[in-house]
């Protein structure tokens, strides 16, 4: 009797754990929004990154507008470095340039520990940076201070409505 209880208890625990794992996968299994074709991750190249003193705050919760056109894709909102502090750039619906890929923003550390920020960038079919598409519709978010930890508010720059992103200059390479 004791053996069967343990086996039954273990089976029930396994089913509960499996159910939680499956629910997590379904809930976090990706976006139902159409997204751009993503560029393969690549090492940070000299000149494409900006050294920043601290990492960006957590992402803001955004309210996503309806799909404006059937060929539009969603680009998530992102933090951008203003030179003194982080500013939120709203997510947006865009029509991607033909044969383009998108690399979302990222941070990286150098061997000496410096923090580098690389903004989101669009690339052509040959892998060269190109100007980003104009937004068709943008998300909205509540204007609030970013929260770094439960008790620590961080002053952020005002949120920005995205504009077409210029192609990165090739002078820094």
C-alpha atoms as a PDB file:
ATOM      1  CA  UNK A   1       0.000   0.000   0.000  1.00  0.00           C
ATOM      2  CA  UNK A   2       2.772   2.457   0.905  1.00  0.00           C
ATOM      3  CA  UNK A   3       4.607   1.635  -2.342  1.00  0.00           C
ATOM      4  CA  UNK A   4       1.524   2.318  -4.435  1.00  0.00           C
ATOM      5  CA  UNK A   5       0.969   5.670  -2.678  1.00  0.00           C
ATOM      6  CA  UNK A   6       4.519   6.750  -3.439  1.00  0.00           C
ATOM      7  CA  UNK A   7       4.204   5.672  -7.047  1.00  0.00           C
ATOM      8  CA  UNK A   8       0.808   7.351  -7.309  1.00  0.00           C
ATOM      9  CA  UNK A   9       2.128  10.494  -5.564  1.00  0.00           C
ATOM     10  CA  UNK A  10       5.190  10.614  -7.801  1.00  0.00           C
ATOM     11  CA  UNK A  11       3.028  10.137 -10.916  1.00  0.00           C
ATOM     12  CA  UNK A  12       0.727  12.926  -9.827  1.00  0.00           C
ATOM     13  CA  UNK A  13       3.671  15.234  -9.122  1.00  0.00           C
ATOM     14  CA  UNK A  14       5.132  14.422 -12.521  1.00  0.00           C
ATOM     15  CA  UNK A  15       1.798  15.199 -14.201  1.00  0.00           C
ATOM     16  CA  UNK A  16       1.541  18.508 -12.311  1.00  0.00           C
ATOM     17  CA  UNK A  17       5.133  19.450 -13.225  1.00  0.00           C
ATOM     18  CA  UNK A  18       4.532  18.401 -16.831  1.00  0.00           C
ATOM     19  CA  UNK A  19       1.310  20.434 -16.934  1.00  0.00           C
ATOM     20  CA  UNK A  20       3.071  23.514 -15.577  1.00  0.00           C
ATOM     21  CA  UNK A  21       5.901  23.067 -18.095  1.00  0.00           C
ATOM     22  CA  UNK A  22       3.445  22.732 -20.980  1.00  0.00           C
ATOM     23  CA  UNK A  23       1.472  25.774 -19.844  1.00  0.00           C
ATOM     24  CA  UNK A  24       4.729  27.750 -19.660  1.00  0.00           C
ATOM     25  CA  UNK A  25       5.672  26.696 -23.158  1.00  0.00           C
ATOM     26  CA  UNK A  26       2.276  27.641 -24.530  1.00  0.00           C
ATOM     27  CA  UNK A  27       2.281  30.975 -22.682  1.00  0.00           C
ATOM     28  CA  UNK A  28       5.878  31.829 -23.550  1.00  0.00           C
ATOM     29  CA  UNK A  29       6.172  29.949 -26.789  1.00  0.00           C
ATOM     30  CA  UNK A  30       6.598  33.062 -28.864  1.00  0.00           C
ATOM     31  CA  UNK A  31       4.531  35.812 -30.246  1.00  0.00           C
ATOM     32  CA  UNK A  32       1.408  35.417 -32.302  1.00  0.00           C
ATOM     33  CA  UNK A  33       2.361  38.659 -34.052  1.00  0.00           C
ATOM     34  CA  UNK A  34       4.066  38.475 -37.430  1.00  0.00           C
ATOM     35  CA  UNK A  35       7.682  39.546 -37.017  1.00  0.00           C
ATOM     36  CA  UNK A  36      10.527  40.494 -39.320  1.00  0.00           C
ATOM     37  CA  UNK A  37      13.046  38.014 -40.649  1.00  0.00           C
ATOM     38  CA  UNK A  38      15.786  38.111 -38.012  1.00  0.00           C
ATOM     39  CA  UNK A  39      19.464  38.447 -38.837  1.00  0.00           C
ATOM     40  CA  UNK A  40      21.770  35.749 -37.498  1.00  0.00           C
ATOM     41  CA  UNK A  41      23.509  36.865 -34.293  1.00  0.00           C
ATOM     42  CA  UNK A  42      26.985  38.164 -35.026  1.00  0.00           C
ATOM     43  CA  UNK A  43      29.866  39.395 -32.876  1.00  0.00           C
ATOM     44  CA  UNK A  44      29.870  43.116 -32.130  1.00  0.00           C
ATOM     45  CA  UNK A  45      31.973  44.901 -34.744  1.00  0.00           C
ATOM     46  CA  UNK A  46      34.206  47.865 -33.873  1.00  0.00           C
ATOM     47  CA  UNK A  47      32.316  51.108 -34.391  1.00  0.00           C
ATOM     48  CA  UNK A  48      28.797  49.635 -34.330  1.00  0.00           C
ATOM     49  CA  UNK A  49      28.457  49.783 -30.538  1.00  0.00           C
ATOM     50  CA  UNK A  50      28.307  52.598 -28.007  1.00  0.00           C
ATOM     51  CA  UNK A  51      29.829  52.209 -24.563  1.00  0.00           C
ATOM     52  CA  UNK A  52      27.163  52.811 -21.900  1.00  0.00           C
ATOM     53  CA  UNK A  53      27.595  53.156 -18.126  1.00  0.00           C
ATOM     54  CA  UNK A  54      24.740  50.838 -17.143  1.00  0.00           C
ATOM     55  CA  UNK A  55      22.303  48.379 -18.774  1.00  0.00           C
ATOM     56  CA  UNK A  56      18.815  49.403 -19.919  1.00  0.00           C
ATOM     57  CA  UNK A  57      15.830  49.007 -17.592  1.00  0.00           C
ATOM     58  CA  UNK A  58      13.321  46.186 -18.110  1.00  0.00           C
ATOM     59  CA  UNK A  59      11.109  46.457 -21.184  1.00  0.00           C
ATOM     60  CA  UNK A  60       7.923  48.484 -20.921  1.00  0.00           C
ATOM     61  CA  UNK A  61       4.508  46.920 -21.325  1.00  0.00           C
ATOM     62  CA  UNK A  62       3.024  48.126 -24.591  1.00  0.00           C
ATOM     63  CA  UNK A  63      -0.468  48.244 -26.011  1.00  0.00           C
ATOM     64  CA  UNK A  64      -0.213  47.037 -29.595  1.00  0.00           C
ATOM     65  CA  UNK A  65      -2.469  48.568 -32.251  1.00  0.00           C
ATOM     66  CA  UNK A  66      -4.302  46.444 -34.803  1.00  0.00           C
ATOM     67  CA  UNK A  67      -2.434  45.122 -37.813  1.00  0.00           C
ATOM     68  CA  UNK A  68      -2.632  47.993 -40.345  1.00  0.00           C
ATOM     69  CA  UNK A  69      -1.777  45.954 -43.471  1.00  0.00           C
ATOM     70  CA  UNK A  70      -1.454  42.257 -44.221  1.00  0.00           C
ATOM     71  CA  UNK A  71       2.221  42.615 -45.217  1.00  0.00           C
ATOM     72  CA  UNK A  72       3.220  44.480 -42.026  1.00  0.00           C
ATOM     73  CA  UNK A  73       5.407  42.943 -39.301  1.00  0.00           C
ATOM     74  CA  UNK A  74       5.736  43.889 -35.641  1.00  0.00           C
ATOM     75  CA  UNK A  75       9.030  45.239 -34.281  1.00  0.00           C
ATOM     76  CA  UNK A  76       9.081  45.253 -30.477  1.00  0.00           C
ATOM     77  CA  UNK A  77       9.722  48.431 -28.524  1.00  0.00           C
ATOM     78  CA  UNK A  78      13.289  48.923 -27.385  1.00  0.00           C
ATOM     79  CA  UNK A  79      15.494  51.028 -25.201  1.00  0.00           C
ATOM     80  CA  UNK A  80      17.819  53.449 -26.974  1.00  0.00           C
ATOM     81  CA  UNK A  81      20.761  55.295 -25.464  1.00  0.00           C
ATOM     82  CA  UNK A  82      20.457  59.103 -25.621  1.00  0.00           C
ATOM     83  CA  UNK A  83      23.985  59.859 -24.472  1.00  0.00           C
ATOM     84  CA  UNK A  84      22.967  60.382 -20.849  1.00  0.00           C
ATOM     85  CA  UNK A  85      20.148  57.946 -20.177  1.00  0.00           C
ATOM     86  CA  UNK A  86      17.876  55.339 -21.735  1.00  0.00           C
ATOM     87  CA  UNK A  87      14.748  56.306 -23.706  1.00  0.00           C
ATOM     88  CA  UNK A  88      12.003  53.913 -24.741  1.00  0.00           C
ATOM     89  CA  UNK A  89      11.234  53.718 -28.464  1.00  0.00           C
ATOM     90  CA  UNK A  90       7.748  52.316 -28.982  1.00  0.00           C
ATOM     91  CA  UNK A  91       7.115  49.072 -30.839  1.00  0.00           C
ATOM     92  CA  UNK A  92       5.775  49.494 -34.326  1.00  0.00           C
ATOM     93  CA  UNK A  93       4.145  47.923 -37.345  1.00  0.00           C
ATOM     94  CA  UNK A  94       6.352  48.274 -40.441  1.00  0.00           C
ATOM     95  CA  UNK A  95       6.569  46.845 -43.940  1.00  0.00           C
ATOM     96  CA  UNK A  96      10.084  45.416 -44.109  1.00  0.00           C
ATOM     97  CA  UNK A  97      12.281  46.329 -47.074  1.00  0.00           C
ATOM     98  CA  UNK A  98      12.496  43.533 -49.664  1.00  0.00           C
ATOM     99  CA  UNK A  99      15.016  40.788 -48.774  1.00  0.00           C
ATOM    100  CA  UNK A 100      15.893  42.507 -45.496  1.00  0.00           C
ATOM    101  CA  UNK A 101      16.594  41.128 -42.031  1.00  0.00           C
ATOM    102  CA  UNK A 102      16.415  42.786 -38.647  1.00  0.00           C
ATOM    103  CA  UNK A 103      18.797  42.469 -35.691  1.00  0.00           C
ATOM    104  CA  UNK A 104      17.190  43.620 -32.420  1.00  0.00           C
ATOM    105  CA  UNK A 105      19.181  45.787 -30.010  1.00  0.00           C
ATOM    106  CA  UNK A 106      21.628  44.032 -27.751  1.00  0.00           C
ATOM    107  CA  UNK A 107      24.320  44.595 -25.183  1.00  0.00           C
ATOM    108  CA  UNK A 108      27.710  42.950 -24.858  1.00  0.00           C
ATOM    109  CA  UNK A 109      30.642  43.150 -22.474  1.00  0.00           C
ATOM    110  CA  UNK A 110      34.225  43.719 -23.506  1.00  0.00           C
ATOM    111  CA  UNK A 111      37.066  41.689 -21.989  1.00  0.00           C
ATOM    112  CA  UNK A 112      37.732  44.529 -19.545  1.00  0.00           C
ATOM    113  CA  UNK A 113      34.046  44.608 -18.475  1.00  0.00           C
ATOM    114  CA  UNK A 114      32.849  47.698 -20.346  1.00  0.00           C
ATOM    115  CA  UNK A 115      29.191  47.514 -21.394  1.00  0.00           C
ATOM    116  CA  UNK A 116      28.429  48.062 -25.087  1.00  0.00           C
ATOM    117  CA  UNK A 117      25.049  48.834 -26.630  1.00  0.00           C
ATOM    118  CA  UNK A 118      24.173  47.997 -30.240  1.00  0.00           C
ATOM    119  CA  UNK A 119      20.870  49.490 -31.473  1.00  0.00           C
ATOM    120  CA  UNK A 120      18.348  47.512 -33.506  1.00  0.00           C
ATOM    121  CA  UNK A 121      19.464  47.504 -37.153  1.00  0.00           C
ATOM    122  CA  UNK A 122      17.990  46.505 -40.515  1.00  0.00           C
ATOM    123  CA  UNK A 123      20.247  44.760 -43.061  1.00  0.00           C
ATOM    124  CA  UNK A 124      19.958  44.194 -46.802  1.00  0.00           C
ATOM    125  CA  UNK A 125      20.391  40.802 -48.487  1.00  0.00           C
ATOM    126  CA  UNK A 126      24.191  41.241 -48.497  1.00  0.00           C
ATOM    127  CA  UNK A 127      24.308  42.017 -44.782  1.00  0.00           C
ATOM    128  CA  UNK A 128      24.932  45.760 -45.122  1.00  0.00           C
ATOM    129  CA  UNK A 129      23.071  48.091 -42.721  1.00  0.00           C
ATOM    130  CA  UNK A 130      20.150  49.950 -44.312  1.00  0.00           C
ATOM    131  CA  UNK A 131      17.649  52.577 -43.217  1.00  0.00           C
ATOM    132  CA  UNK A 132      14.738  51.118 -41.298  1.00  0.00           C
ATOM    133  CA  UNK A 133      11.195  51.314 -42.653  1.00  0.00           C
ATOM    134  CA  UNK A 134       8.786  54.032 -41.597  1.00  0.00           C
ATOM    135  CA  UNK A 135       6.298  52.963 -38.913  1.00  0.00           C
ATOM    136  CA  UNK A 136       2.706  52.377 -40.050  1.00  0.00           C
ATOM    137  CA  UNK A 137       1.345  52.339 -36.490  1.00  0.00           C
ATOM    138  CA  UNK A 138       3.029  52.510 -33.096  1.00  0.00           C
ATOM    139  CA  UNK A 139       2.326  51.016 -29.716  1.00  0.00           C
ATOM    140  CA  UNK A 140       1.423  53.041 -26.678  1.00  0.00           C
ATOM    141  CA  UNK A 141       2.655  52.649 -23.124  1.00  0.00           C
ATOM    142  CA  UNK A 142       2.102  54.398 -19.839  1.00  0.00           C
ATOM    143  CA  UNK A 143       4.646  57.148 -19.236  1.00  0.00           C
ATOM    144  CA  UNK A 144       6.178  56.089 -15.972  1.00  0.00           C
ATOM    145  CA  UNK A 145       9.605  55.793 -14.503  1.00  0.00           C
ATOM    146  CA  UNK A 146      11.282  52.512 -15.291  1.00  0.00           C
ATOM    147  CA  UNK A 147      11.648  50.194 -12.329  1.00  0.00           C
ATOM    148  CA  UNK A 148      14.990  48.459 -11.963  1.00  0.00           C
ATOM    149  CA  UNK A 149      14.095  46.579  -8.797  1.00  0.00           C
ATOM    150  CA  UNK A 150      11.005  46.420  -6.578  1.00  0.00           C
ATOM    151  CA  UNK A 151      11.976  49.566  -4.627  1.00  0.00           C
ATOM    152  CA  UNK A 152      14.167  51.406  -7.115  1.00  0.00           C
ATOM    153  CA  UNK A 153      12.693  53.749  -9.722  1.00  0.00           C
ATOM    154  CA  UNK A 154      14.996  55.010 -12.445  1.00  0.00           C
ATOM    155  CA  UNK A 155      14.421  58.262 -14.314  1.00  0.00           C
ATOM    156  CA  UNK A 156      14.311  57.520 -18.027  1.00  0.00           C
ATOM    157  CA  UNK A 157      14.243  59.929 -20.922  1.00  0.00           C
ATOM    158  CA  UNK A 158      10.803  60.570 -22.445  1.00  0.00           C
ATOM    159  CA  UNK A 159       9.515  57.808 -24.691  1.00  0.00           C
ATOM    160  CA  UNK A 160       9.991  58.320 -28.412  1.00  0.00           C
ATOM    161  CA  UNK A 161       7.762  57.699 -31.379  1.00  0.00           C
ATOM    162  CA  UNK A 162       9.937  55.806 -33.855  1.00  0.00           C
ATOM    163  CA  UNK A 163      11.008  57.504 -37.042  1.00  0.00           C
ATOM    164  CA  UNK A 164      12.564  55.780 -40.023  1.00  0.00           C
ATOM    165  CA  UNK A 165      15.988  54.762 -38.820  1.00  0.00           C
ATOM    166  CA  UNK A 166      18.865  56.070 -40.919  1.00  0.00           C
ATOM    167  CA  UNK A 167      21.392  53.586 -42.167  1.00  0.00           C
ATOM    168  CA  UNK A 168      24.434  53.485 -39.839  1.00  0.00           C
ATOM    169  CA  UNK A 169      27.329  55.467 -41.221  1.00  0.00           C
ATOM    170  CA  UNK A 170      30.196  53.519 -42.721  1.00  0.00           C
ATOM    171  CA  UNK A 171      32.740  56.098 -41.483  1.00  0.00           C
ATOM    172  CA  UNK A 172      33.166  54.292 -38.151  1.00  0.00           C
ATOM    173  CA  UNK A 173      34.300  51.043 -39.805  1.00  0.00           C
END
